[in-house]
Amino acid sequence: MTQLGNLEETILLLVMIMEDEAYGYSVSKEYHKQNGKEISISAVHTVLSRLEKKGLIKSEMGGAIEERGGRRKRIFKTTDYGVRTIQELKAHRTRLWNQLPQLQ
């Protein structure tokens, strides 16, 4: 099973949630929406780069849009390996949580 840090796992999940709308700025906004905490775009880009190097996501350049001054944005998508990794992490955590004795 691929090991992921908490931030890597969170960003990977956000890319999966966002589907075709995951790029640096949008991921940082979604992170704030989901967690109530700010994260810098540079931190998001660092994690996205690490996830791509691990083969969990892939990127492609989107089309140029006028509101970005004609610049293109790099869109991130989850790979099949990324989906399998998240499924394995979820199953592993569920097994651990299911072993906890009842809390009183």
PDB file of N, CA and C in Angstrom:
ATOM      1  N   MET A   1       0.854  -1.180   0.000  1.00  0.00           N
ATOM      2  CA  MET A   1       0.000   0.000   0.000  1.00  0.00           C
ATOM      3  C   MET A   1       0.898   1.241   0.000  1.00  0.00           C
ATOM      4  N   THR A   2       0.579   2.186  -0.843  1.00  0.00           N
ATOM      5  CA  THR A   2       1.316   3.438  -0.912  1.00  0.00           C
ATOM      6  C   THR A   2       1.030   4.271   0.332  1.00  0.00           C
ATOM      7  N   GLN A   3       2.086   4.767   0.945  1.00  0.00           N
ATOM      8  CA  GLN A   3       1.933   5.621   2.120  1.00  0.00           C
ATOM      9  C   GLN A   3       1.747   7.067   1.681  1.00  0.00           C
ATOM     10  N   LEU A   4       0.776   7.734   2.272  1.00  0.00           N
ATOM     11  CA  LEU A   4       0.525   9.140   1.987  1.00  0.00           C
ATOM     12  C   LEU A   4       0.461   9.904   3.298  1.00  0.00           C
ATOM     13  N   GLY A   5       1.009  11.099   3.290  1.00  0.00           N
ATOM     14  CA  GLY A   5       0.825  11.986   4.424  1.00  0.00           C
ATOM     15  C   GLY A   5      -0.601  12.491   4.443  1.00  0.00           C
ATOM     16  N   ASN A   6      -0.999  13.063   5.562  1.00  0.00           N
ATOM     17  CA  ASN A   6      -2.366  13.552   5.707  1.00  0.00           C
ATOM     18  C   ASN A   6      -2.711  14.582   4.635  1.00  0.00           C
ATOM     19  N   LEU A   7      -1.809  15.534   4.394  1.00  0.00           N
ATOM     20  CA  LEU A   7      -2.080  16.563   3.389  1.00  0.00           C
ATOM     21  C   LEU A   7      -2.139  15.964   1.987  1.00  0.00           C
ATOM     22  N   GLU A   8      -1.250  15.006   1.703  1.00  0.00           N
ATOM     23  CA  GLU A   8      -1.291  14.343   0.394  1.00  0.00           C
ATOM     24  C   GLU A   8      -2.620  13.626   0.193  1.00  0.00           C
ATOM     25  N   GLU A   9      -3.067  12.910   1.206  1.00  0.00           N
ATOM     26  CA  GLU A   9      -4.335  12.193   1.108  1.00  0.00           C
ATOM     27  C   GLU A   9      -5.498  13.167   0.907  1.00  0.00           C
ATOM     28  N   THR A  10      -5.484  14.258   1.662  1.00  0.00           N
ATOM     29  CA  THR A  10      -6.555  15.251   1.542  1.00  0.00           C
ATOM     30  C   THR A  10      -6.585  15.859   0.146  1.00  0.00           C
ATOM     31  N   ILE A  11      -5.424  16.247  -0.365  1.00  0.00           N
ATOM     32  CA  ILE A  11      -5.373  16.853  -1.701  1.00  0.00           C
ATOM     33  C   ILE A  11      -5.798  15.845  -2.766  1.00  0.00           C
ATOM     34  N   LEU A  12      -5.375  14.591  -2.633  1.00  0.00           N
ATOM     35  CA  LEU A  12      -5.795  13.554  -3.582  1.00  0.00           C
ATOM     36  C   LEU A  12      -7.311  13.392  -3.557  1.00  0.00           C
ATOM     37  N   LEU A  13      -7.897  13.369  -2.375  1.00  0.00           N
ATOM     38  CA  LEU A  13      -9.354  13.263  -2.268  1.00  0.00           C
ATOM     39  C   LEU A  13     -10.039  14.476  -2.912  1.00  0.00           C
ATOM     40  N   LEU A  14      -9.483  15.657  -2.711  1.00  0.00           N
ATOM     41  CA  LEU A  14     -10.075  16.854  -3.315  1.00  0.00           C
ATOM     42  C   LEU A  14     -10.017  16.792  -4.840  1.00  0.00           C
ATOM     43  N   VAL A  15      -8.897  16.319  -5.383  1.00  0.00           N
ATOM     44  CA  VAL A  15      -8.790  16.169  -6.844  1.00  0.00           C
ATOM     45  C   VAL A  15      -9.874  15.213  -7.335  1.00  0.00           C
ATOM     46  N   MET A  16     -10.110  14.147  -6.583  1.00  0.00           N
ATOM     47  CA  MET A  16     -11.151  13.182  -6.976  1.00  0.00           C
ATOM     48  C   MET A  16     -12.531  13.817  -6.903  1.00  0.00           C
ATOM     49  N   ILE A  17     -12.785  14.590  -5.858  1.00  0.00           N
ATOM     50  CA  ILE A  17     -14.088  15.240  -5.693  1.00  0.00           C
ATOM     51  C   ILE A  17     -14.336  16.243  -6.812  1.00  0.00           C
ATOM     52  N   MET A  18     -13.290  16.985  -7.166  1.00  0.00           N
ATOM     53  CA  MET A  18     -13.433  18.085  -8.121  1.00  0.00           C
ATOM     54  C   MET A  18     -13.450  17.640  -9.576  1.00  0.00           C
ATOM     55  N   GLU A  19     -13.069  16.417  -9.836  1.00  0.00           N
ATOM     56  CA  GLU A  19     -13.043  15.862 -11.182  1.00  0.00           C
ATOM     57  C   GLU A  19     -12.272  16.757 -12.146  1.00  0.00           C
ATOM     58  N   ASP A  20     -12.910  17.324 -13.146  1.00  0.00           N
ATOM     59  CA  ASP A  20     -12.212  18.085 -14.192  1.00  0.00           C
ATOM     60  C   ASP A  20     -11.921  19.535 -13.825  1.00  0.00           C
ATOM     61  N   GLU A  21     -12.181  19.926 -12.599  1.00  0.00           N
ATOM     62  CA  GLU A  21     -11.985  21.323 -12.185  1.00  0.00           C
ATOM     63  C   GLU A  21     -10.831  21.491 -11.210  1.00  0.00           C
ATOM     64  N   ALA A  22      -9.973  20.485 -11.090  1.00  0.00           N
ATOM     65  CA  ALA A  22      -8.886  20.529 -10.108  1.00  0.00           C
ATOM     66  C   ALA A  22      -7.626  21.147 -10.712  1.00  0.00           C
ATOM     67  N   TYR A  23      -7.337  22.364 -10.301  1.00  0.00           N
ATOM     68  CA  TYR A  23      -6.065  23.023 -10.631  1.00  0.00           C
ATOM     69  C   TYR A  23      -5.649  23.768  -9.368  1.00  0.00           C
ATOM     70  N   GLY A  24      -4.428  24.245  -9.307  1.00  0.00           N
ATOM     71  CA  GLY A  24      -3.863  24.782  -8.073  1.00  0.00           C
ATOM     72  C   GLY A  24      -4.781  25.692  -7.275  1.00  0.00           C
ATOM     73  N   TYR A  25      -5.263  26.758  -7.904  1.00  0.00           N
ATOM     74  CA  TYR A  25      -6.103  27.728  -7.209  1.00  0.00           C
ATOM     75  C   TYR A  25      -7.415  27.109  -6.744  1.00  0.00           C
ATOM     76  N   SER A  26      -8.064  26.343  -7.609  1.00  0.00           N
ATOM     77  CA  SER A  26      -9.361  25.759  -7.245  1.00  0.00           C
ATOM     78  C   SER A  26      -9.210  24.739  -6.117  1.00  0.00           C
ATOM     79  N   VAL A  27      -8.097  24.010  -6.104  1.00  0.00           N
ATOM     80  CA  VAL A  27      -7.866  23.045  -5.023  1.00  0.00           C
ATOM     81  C   VAL A  27      -7.670  23.782  -3.697  1.00  0.00           C
ATOM     82  N   SER A  28      -6.952  24.907  -3.721  1.00  0.00           N
ATOM     83  CA  SER A  28      -6.755  25.667  -2.477  1.00  0.00           C
ATOM     84  C   SER A  28      -8.088  26.216  -1.960  1.00  0.00           C
ATOM     85  N   LYS A  29      -8.955  26.641  -2.858  1.00  0.00           N
ATOM     86  CA  LYS A  29     -10.281  27.124  -2.454  1.00  0.00           C
ATOM     87  C   LYS A  29     -11.138  25.991  -1.901  1.00  0.00           C
ATOM     88  N   GLU A  30     -11.089  24.827  -2.547  1.00  0.00           N
ATOM     89  CA  GLU A  30     -11.865  23.669  -2.077  1.00  0.00           C
ATOM     90  C   GLU A  30     -11.335  23.188  -0.728  1.00  0.00           C
ATOM     91  N   TYR A  31     -10.027  23.262  -0.540  1.00  0.00           N
ATOM     92  CA  TYR A  31      -9.428  22.885   0.745  1.00  0.00           C
ATOM     93  C   TYR A  31     -10.012  23.766   1.850  1.00  0.00           C
ATOM     94  N   HIS A  32     -10.076  25.066   1.599  1.00  0.00           N
ATOM     95  CA  HIS A  32     -10.641  25.988   2.590  1.00  0.00           C
ATOM     96  C   HIS A  32     -12.115  25.683   2.844  1.00  0.00           C
ATOM     97  N   LYS A  33     -12.850  25.416   1.787  1.00  0.00           N
ATOM     98  CA  LYS A  33     -14.275  25.096   1.913  1.00  0.00           C
ATOM     99  C   LYS A  33     -14.492  23.838   2.743  1.00  0.00           C
ATOM    100  N   GLN A  34     -13.686  22.813   2.501  1.00  0.00           N
ATOM    101  CA  GLN A  34     -13.871  21.525   3.165  1.00  0.00           C
ATOM    102  C   GLN A  34     -13.310  21.499   4.594  1.00  0.00           C
ATOM    103  N   ASN A  35     -12.221  22.274   4.845  1.00  0.00           N
ATOM    104  CA  ASN A  35     -11.525  22.187   6.129  1.00  0.00           C
ATOM    105  C   ASN A  35     -11.615  23.437   6.985  1.00  0.00           C
ATOM    106  N   GLY A  36     -12.080  24.532   6.394  1.00  0.00           N
ATOM    107  CA  GLY A  36     -12.157  25.773   7.148  1.00  0.00           C
ATOM    108  C   GLY A  36     -10.796  26.380   7.439  1.00  0.00           C
ATOM    109  N   LYS A  37      -9.766  25.947   6.719  1.00  0.00           N
ATOM    110  CA  LYS A  37      -8.405  26.437   6.914  1.00  0.00           C
ATOM    111  C   LYS A  37      -7.843  26.890   5.571  1.00  0.00           C
ATOM    112  N   GLU A  38      -7.007  27.911   5.627  1.00  0.00           N
ATOM    113  CA  GLU A  38      -6.331  28.398   4.423  1.00  0.00           C
ATOM    114  C   GLU A  38      -5.123  27.520   4.116  1.00  0.00           C
ATOM    115  N   ILE A  39      -4.807  27.410   2.835  1.00  0.00           N
ATOM    116  CA  ILE A  39      -3.586  26.745   2.386  1.00  0.00           C
ATOM    117  C   ILE A  39      -3.064  27.545   1.198  1.00  0.00           C
ATOM    118  N   SER A  40      -1.762  27.743   1.170  1.00  0.00           N
ATOM    119  CA  SER A  40      -1.199  28.539   0.083  1.00  0.00           C
ATOM    120  C   SER A  40      -1.227  27.739  -1.217  1.00  0.00           C
ATOM    121  N   ILE A  41      -1.322  28.465  -2.305  1.00  0.00           N
ATOM    122  CA  ILE A  41      -1.323  27.823  -3.613  1.00  0.00           C
ATOM    123  C   ILE A  41       0.010  27.117  -3.848  1.00  0.00           C
ATOM    124  N   SER A  42       1.103  27.687  -3.353  1.00  0.00           N
ATOM    125  CA  SER A  42       2.409  27.039  -3.536  1.00  0.00           C
ATOM    126  C   SER A  42       2.459  25.705  -2.784  1.00  0.00           C
ATOM    127  N   ALA A  43       1.844  25.635  -1.598  1.00  0.00           N
ATOM    128  CA  ALA A  43       1.789  24.362  -0.865  1.00  0.00           C
ATOM    129  C   ALA A  43       0.970  23.342  -1.644  1.00  0.00           C
ATOM    130  N   VAL A  44      -0.136  23.788  -2.225  1.00  0.00           N
ATOM    131  CA  VAL A  44      -0.973  22.898  -3.036  1.00  0.00           C
ATOM    132  C   VAL A  44      -0.175  22.385  -4.232  1.00  0.00           C
ATOM    133  N   HIS A  45       0.539  23.275  -4.920  1.00  0.00           N
ATOM    134  CA  HIS A  45       1.332  22.870  -6.084  1.00  0.00           C
ATOM    135  C   HIS A  45       2.424  21.874  -5.690  1.00  0.00           C
ATOM    136  N   THR A  46       3.032  22.065  -4.528  1.00  0.00           N
ATOM    137  CA  THR A  46       4.058  21.134  -4.059  1.00  0.00           C
ATOM    138  C   THR A  46       3.463  19.741  -3.874  1.00  0.00           C
ATOM    139  N   VAL A  47       2.302  19.669  -3.245  1.00  0.00           N
ATOM    140  CA  VAL A  47       1.653  18.371  -3.009  1.00  0.00           C
ATOM    141  C   VAL A  47       1.188  17.768  -4.328  1.00  0.00           C
ATOM    142  N   LEU A  48       0.607  18.566  -5.202  1.00  0.00           N
ATOM    143  CA  LEU A  48       0.174  18.053  -6.508  1.00  0.00           C
ATOM    144  C   LEU A  48       1.363  17.471  -7.276  1.00  0.00           C
ATOM    145  N   SER A  49       2.493  18.127  -7.208  1.00  0.00           N
ATOM    146  CA  SER A  49       3.701  17.636  -7.875  1.00  0.00           C
ATOM    147  C   SER A  49       4.140  16.293  -7.287  1.00  0.00           C
ATOM    148  N   ARG A  50       4.120  16.180  -5.966  1.00  0.00           N
ATOM    149  CA  ARG A  50       4.497  14.914  -5.318  1.00  0.00           C
ATOM    150  C   ARG A  50       3.544  13.799  -5.715  1.00  0.00           C
ATOM    151  N   LEU A  51       2.243  14.095  -5.727  1.00  0.00           N
ATOM    152  CA  LEU A  51       1.252  13.082  -6.102  1.00  0.00           C
ATOM    153  C   LEU A  51       1.437  12.648  -7.546  1.00  0.00           C
ATOM    154  N   GLU A  52       1.796  13.585  -8.411  1.00  0.00           N
ATOM    155  CA  GLU A  52       2.019  13.246  -9.816  1.00  0.00           C
ATOM    156  C   GLU A  52       3.265  12.375  -9.954  1.00  0.00           C
ATOM    157  N   LYS A  53       4.325  12.688  -9.226  1.00  0.00           N
ATOM    158  CA  LYS A  53       5.548  11.880  -9.278  1.00  0.00           C
ATOM    159  C   LYS A  53       5.302  10.458  -8.781  1.00  0.00           C
ATOM    160  N   LYS A  54       4.370  10.304  -7.829  1.00  0.00           N
ATOM    161  CA  LYS A  54       4.020   8.988  -7.305  1.00  0.00           C
ATOM    162  C   LYS A  54       3.065   8.236  -8.230  1.00  0.00           C
ATOM    163  N   GLY A  55       2.587   8.894  -9.283  1.00  0.00           N
ATOM    164  CA  GLY A  55       1.685   8.249 -10.236  1.00  0.00           C
ATOM    165  C   GLY A  55       0.235   8.216  -9.801  1.00  0.00           C
ATOM    166  N   LEU A  56      -0.119   8.993  -8.776  1.00  0.00           N
ATOM    167  CA  LEU A  56      -1.479   8.973  -8.249  1.00  0.00           C
ATOM    168  C   LEU A  56      -2.409   9.923  -9.002  1.00  0.00           C
ATOM    169  N   ILE A  57      -1.822  10.950  -9.614  1.00  0.00           N
ATOM    170  CA  ILE A  57      -2.579  11.877 -10.439  1.00  0.00           C
ATOM    171  C   ILE A  57      -1.776  12.145 -11.706  1.00  0.00           C
ATOM    172  N   LYS A  58      -2.442  12.714 -12.694  1.00  0.00           N
ATOM    173  CA  LYS A  58      -1.770  13.147 -13.919  1.00  0.00           C
ATOM    174  C   LYS A  58      -2.289  14.542 -14.233  1.00  0.00           C
ATOM    175  N   SER A  59      -1.550  15.265 -15.047  1.00  0.00           N
ATOM    176  CA  SER A  59      -1.981  16.614 -15.374  1.00  0.00           C
ATOM    177  C   SER A  59      -1.942  16.829 -16.877  1.00  0.00           C
ATOM    178  N   GLU A  60      -2.716  17.788 -17.299  1.00  0.00           N
ATOM    179  CA  GLU A  60      -2.707  18.223 -18.691  1.00  0.00           C
ATOM    180  C   GLU A  60      -3.048  19.702 -18.704  1.00  0.00           C
ATOM    181  N   MET A  61      -2.611  20.370 -19.737  1.00  0.00           N
ATOM    182  CA  MET A  61      -2.876  21.798 -19.842  1.00  0.00           C
ATOM    183  C   MET A  61      -4.276  22.023 -20.407  1.00  0.00           C
ATOM    184  N   GLY A  62      -5.047  22.852 -19.708  1.00  0.00           N
ATOM    185  CA  GLY A  62      -6.374  23.228 -20.174  1.00  0.00           C
ATOM    186  C   GLY A  62      -6.261  24.344 -21.202  1.00  0.00           C
ATOM    187  N   GLY A  63      -7.354  24.704 -21.759  1.00  0.00           N
ATOM    188  CA  GLY A  63      -7.356  25.764 -22.759  1.00  0.00           C
ATOM    189  C   GLY A  63      -7.136  27.132 -22.135  1.00  0.00           C
ATOM    190  N   ALA A  64      -6.646  28.061 -22.934  1.00  0.00           N
ATOM    191  CA  ALA A  64      -6.449  29.438 -22.483  1.00  0.00           C
ATOM    192  C   ALA A  64      -7.811  30.105 -22.328  1.00  0.00           C
ATOM    193  N   ILE A  65      -7.953  30.869 -21.241  1.00  0.00           N
ATOM    194  CA  ILE A  65      -9.218  31.572 -21.034  1.00  0.00           C
ATOM    195  C   ILE A  65      -8.942  33.057 -20.812  1.00  0.00           C
ATOM    196  N   GLU A  66      -9.870  33.870 -21.268  1.00  0.00           N
ATOM    197  CA  GLU A  66      -9.696  35.315 -21.231  1.00  0.00           C
ATOM    198  C   GLU A  66      -9.543  35.846 -19.811  1.00  0.00           C
ATOM    199  N   GLU A  67     -10.325  35.312 -18.866  1.00  0.00           N
ATOM    200  CA  GLU A  67     -10.269  35.819 -17.491  1.00  0.00           C
ATOM    201  C   GLU A  67      -8.925  35.550 -16.822  1.00  0.00           C
ATOM    202  N   ARG A  68      -8.106  34.671 -17.383  1.00  0.00           N
ATOM    203  CA  ARG A  68      -6.755  34.420 -16.871  1.00  0.00           C
ATOM    204  C   ARG A  68      -5.718  35.113 -17.753  1.00  0.00           C
ATOM    205  N   GLY A  69      -6.141  36.106 -18.500  1.00  0.00           N
ATOM    206  CA  GLY A  69      -5.218  36.830 -19.361  1.00  0.00           C
ATOM    207  C   GLY A  69      -4.679  35.972 -20.490  1.00  0.00           C
ATOM    208  N   GLY A  70      -5.464  34.990 -20.905  1.00  0.00           N
ATOM    209  CA  GLY A  70      -5.046  34.113 -21.992  1.00  0.00           C
ATOM    210  C   GLY A  70      -4.136  32.975 -21.553  1.00  0.00           C
ATOM    211  N   ARG A  71      -3.855  32.912 -20.268  1.00  0.00           N
ATOM    212  CA  ARG A  71      -2.986  31.827 -19.775  1.00  0.00           C
ATOM    213  C   ARG A  71      -3.783  30.536 -19.624  1.00  0.00           C
ATOM    214  N   ARG A  72      -3.067  29.454 -19.758  1.00  0.00           N
ATOM    215  CA  ARG A  72      -3.675  28.126 -19.589  1.00  0.00           C
ATOM    216  C   ARG A  72      -3.454  27.671 -18.152  1.00  0.00           C
ATOM    217  N   LYS A  73      -4.293  26.768 -17.689  1.00  0.00           N
ATOM    218  CA  LYS A  73      -4.101  26.203 -16.351  1.00  0.00           C
ATOM    219  C   LYS A  73      -3.863  24.709 -16.458  1.00  0.00           C
ATOM    220  N   ARG A  74      -3.082  24.192 -15.508  1.00  0.00           N
ATOM    221  CA  ARG A  74      -2.775  22.762 -15.468  1.00  0.00           C
ATOM    222  C   ARG A  74      -3.877  22.063 -14.671  1.00  0.00           C
ATOM    223  N   ILE A  75      -4.604  21.186 -15.349  1.00  0.00           N
ATOM    224  CA  ILE A  75      -5.722  20.452 -14.751  1.00  0.00           C
ATOM    225  C   ILE A  75      -5.206  19.089 -14.273  1.00  0.00           C
ATOM    226  N   PHE A  76      -5.593  18.705 -13.055  1.00  0.00           N
ATOM    227  CA  PHE A  76      -5.157  17.436 -12.474  1.00  0.00           C
ATOM    228  C   PHE A  76      -6.325  16.456 -12.401  1.00  0.00           C
ATOM    229  N   LYS A  77      -6.013  15.206 -12.689  1.00  0.00           N
ATOM    230  CA  LYS A  77      -7.003  14.126 -12.635  1.00  0.00           C
ATOM    231  C   LYS A  77      -6.369  12.923 -11.948  1.00  0.00           C
ATOM    232  N   THR A  78      -7.188  12.165 -11.289  1.00  0.00           N
ATOM    233  CA  THR A  78      -6.711  10.976 -10.592  1.00  0.00           C
ATOM    234  C   THR A  78      -6.478   9.848 -11.587  1.00  0.00           C
ATOM    235  N   THR A  79      -5.391   9.116 -11.396  1.00  0.00           N
ATOM    236  CA  THR A  79      -5.115   7.944 -12.223  1.00  0.00           C
ATOM    237  C   THR A  79      -5.834   6.733 -11.618  1.00  0.00           C
ATOM    238  N   ASP A  80      -5.864   5.644 -12.372  1.00  0.00           N
ATOM    239  CA  ASP A  80      -6.444   4.402 -11.830  1.00  0.00           C
ATOM    240  C   ASP A  80      -5.683   3.970 -10.581  1.00  0.00           C
ATOM    241  N   TYR A  81      -4.369   4.142 -10.614  1.00  0.00           N
ATOM    242  CA  TYR A  81      -3.539   3.801  -9.453  1.00  0.00           C
ATOM    243  C   TYR A  81      -3.919   4.674  -8.249  1.00  0.00           C
ATOM    244  N   GLY A  82      -4.204   5.951  -8.485  1.00  0.00           N
ATOM    245  CA  GLY A  82      -4.635   6.840  -7.411  1.00  0.00           C
ATOM    246  C   GLY A  82      -5.955   6.401  -6.798  1.00  0.00           C
ATOM    247  N   VAL A  83      -6.887   5.980  -7.640  1.00  0.00           N
ATOM    248  CA  VAL A  83      -8.192   5.499  -7.155  1.00  0.00           C
ATOM    249  C   VAL A  83      -7.992   4.236  -6.316  1.00  0.00           C
ATOM    250  N   ARG A  84      -7.191   3.300  -6.826  1.00  0.00           N
ATOM    251  CA  ARG A  84      -6.934   2.061  -6.068  1.00  0.00           C
ATOM    252  C   ARG A  84      -6.267   2.367  -4.727  1.00  0.00           C
ATOM    253  N   THR A  85      -5.346   3.309  -4.731  1.00  0.00           N
ATOM    254  CA  THR A  85      -4.653   3.674  -3.491  1.00  0.00           C
ATOM    255  C   THR A  85      -5.626   4.228  -2.466  1.00  0.00           C
ATOM    256  N   ILE A  86      -6.521   5.121  -2.888  1.00  0.00           N
ATOM    257  CA  ILE A  86      -7.520   5.680  -1.963  1.00  0.00           C
ATOM    258  C   ILE A  86      -8.450   4.581  -1.451  1.00  0.00           C
ATOM    259  N   GLN A  87      -8.838   3.663  -2.325  1.00  0.00           N
ATOM    260  CA  GLN A  87      -9.707   2.561  -1.891  1.00  0.00           C
ATOM    261  C   GLN A  87      -9.003   1.697  -0.840  1.00  0.00           C
ATOM    262  N   GLU A  88      -7.713   1.427  -1.056  1.00  0.00           N
ATOM    263  CA  GLU A  88      -6.945   0.637  -0.091  1.00  0.00           C
ATOM    264  C   GLU A  88      -6.802   1.372   1.241  1.00  0.00           C
ATOM    265  N   LEU A  89      -6.527   2.673   1.183  1.00  0.00           N
ATOM    266  CA  LEU A  89      -6.410   3.459   2.413  1.00  0.00           C
ATOM    267  C   LEU A  89      -7.720   3.471   3.189  1.00  0.00           C
ATOM    268  N   LYS A  90      -8.813   3.632   2.485  1.00  0.00           N
ATOM    269  CA  LYS A  90     -10.121   3.635   3.142  1.00  0.00           C
ATOM    270  C   LYS A  90     -10.396   2.277   3.793  1.00  0.00           C
ATOM    271  N   ALA A  91     -10.134   1.195   3.074  1.00  0.00           N
ATOM    272  CA  ALA A  91     -10.364  -0.148   3.623  1.00  0.00           C
ATOM    273  C   ALA A  91      -9.494  -0.387   4.851  1.00  0.00           C
ATOM    274  N   HIS A  92      -8.239   0.039   4.785  1.00  0.00           N
ATOM    275  CA  HIS A  92      -7.315  -0.134   5.916  1.00  0.00           C
ATOM    276  C   HIS A  92      -7.814   0.646   7.135  1.00  0.00           C
ATOM    277  N   ARG A  93      -8.186   1.893   6.928  1.00  0.00           N
ATOM    278  CA  ARG A  93      -8.678   2.705   8.053  1.00  0.00           C
ATOM    279  C   ARG A  93      -9.981   2.145   8.615  1.00  0.00           C
ATOM    280  N   THR A  94     -10.862   1.670   7.757  1.00  0.00           N
ATOM    281  CA  THR A  94     -12.124   1.092   8.214  1.00  0.00           C
ATOM    282  C   THR A  94     -11.864  -0.133   9.084  1.00  0.00           C
ATOM    283  N   ARG A  95     -10.908  -0.991   8.652  1.00  0.00           N
ATOM    284  CA  ARG A  95     -10.566  -2.164   9.474  1.00  0.00           C
ATOM    285  C   ARG A  95     -10.086  -1.736  10.858  1.00  0.00           C
ATOM    286  N   LEU A  96      -9.254  -0.714  10.917  1.00  0.00           N
ATOM    287  CA  LEU A  96      -8.746  -0.238  12.208  1.00  0.00           C
ATOM    288  C   LEU A  96      -9.873   0.348  13.060  1.00  0.00           C
ATOM    289  N   TRP A  97     -10.705   1.204  12.468  1.00  0.00           N
ATOM    290  CA  TRP A  97     -11.800   1.803  13.213  1.00  0.00           C
ATOM    291  C   TRP A  97     -12.766   0.741  13.733  1.00  0.00           C
ATOM    292  N   ASN A  98     -12.990  -0.302  12.942  1.00  0.00           N
ATOM    293  CA  ASN A  98     -13.907  -1.366  13.358  1.00  0.00           C
ATOM    294  C   ASN A  98     -13.369  -2.190  14.512  1.00  0.00           C
ATOM    295  N   GLN A  99     -12.092  -2.108  14.795  1.00  0.00           N
ATOM    296  CA  GLN A  99     -11.505  -2.853  15.901  1.00  0.00           C
ATOM    297  C   GLN A  99     -11.518  -2.092  17.226  1.00  0.00           C
ATOM    298  N   LEU A 100     -11.921  -0.833  17.180  1.00  0.00           N
ATOM    299  CA  LEU A 100     -11.968  -0.058  18.414  1.00  0.00           C
ATOM    300  C   LEU A 100     -13.070  -0.578  19.314  1.00  0.00           C
ATOM    301  N   PRO A 101     -12.763  -0.716  20.608  1.00  0.00           N
ATOM    302  CA  PRO A 101     -13.847  -1.092  21.531  1.00  0.00           C
ATOM    303  C   PRO A 101     -14.832   0.078  21.645  1.00  0.00           C
ATOM    304  N   GLN A 102     -16.012  -0.227  22.023  1.00  0.00           N
ATOM    305  CA  GLN A 102     -17.021   0.822  22.184  1.00  0.00           C
ATOM    306  C   GLN A 102     -16.524   1.875  23.168  1.00  0.00           C
ATOM    307  N   LEU A 103     -16.623   3.120  22.792  1.00  0.00           N
ATOM    308  CA  LEU A 103     -16.221   4.210  23.668  1.00  0.00           C
ATOM    309  C   LEU A 103     -17.425   4.618  24.512  1.00  0.00           C
ATOM    310  N   GLN A 104     -17.168   4.853  25.791  1.00  0.00           N
ATOM    311  CA  GLN A 104     -18.294   5.190  26.680  1.00  0.00           C
ATOM    312  C   GLN A 104     -18.237   6.600  27.145  1.00  0.00           C
TER     313      GLN A 104
END
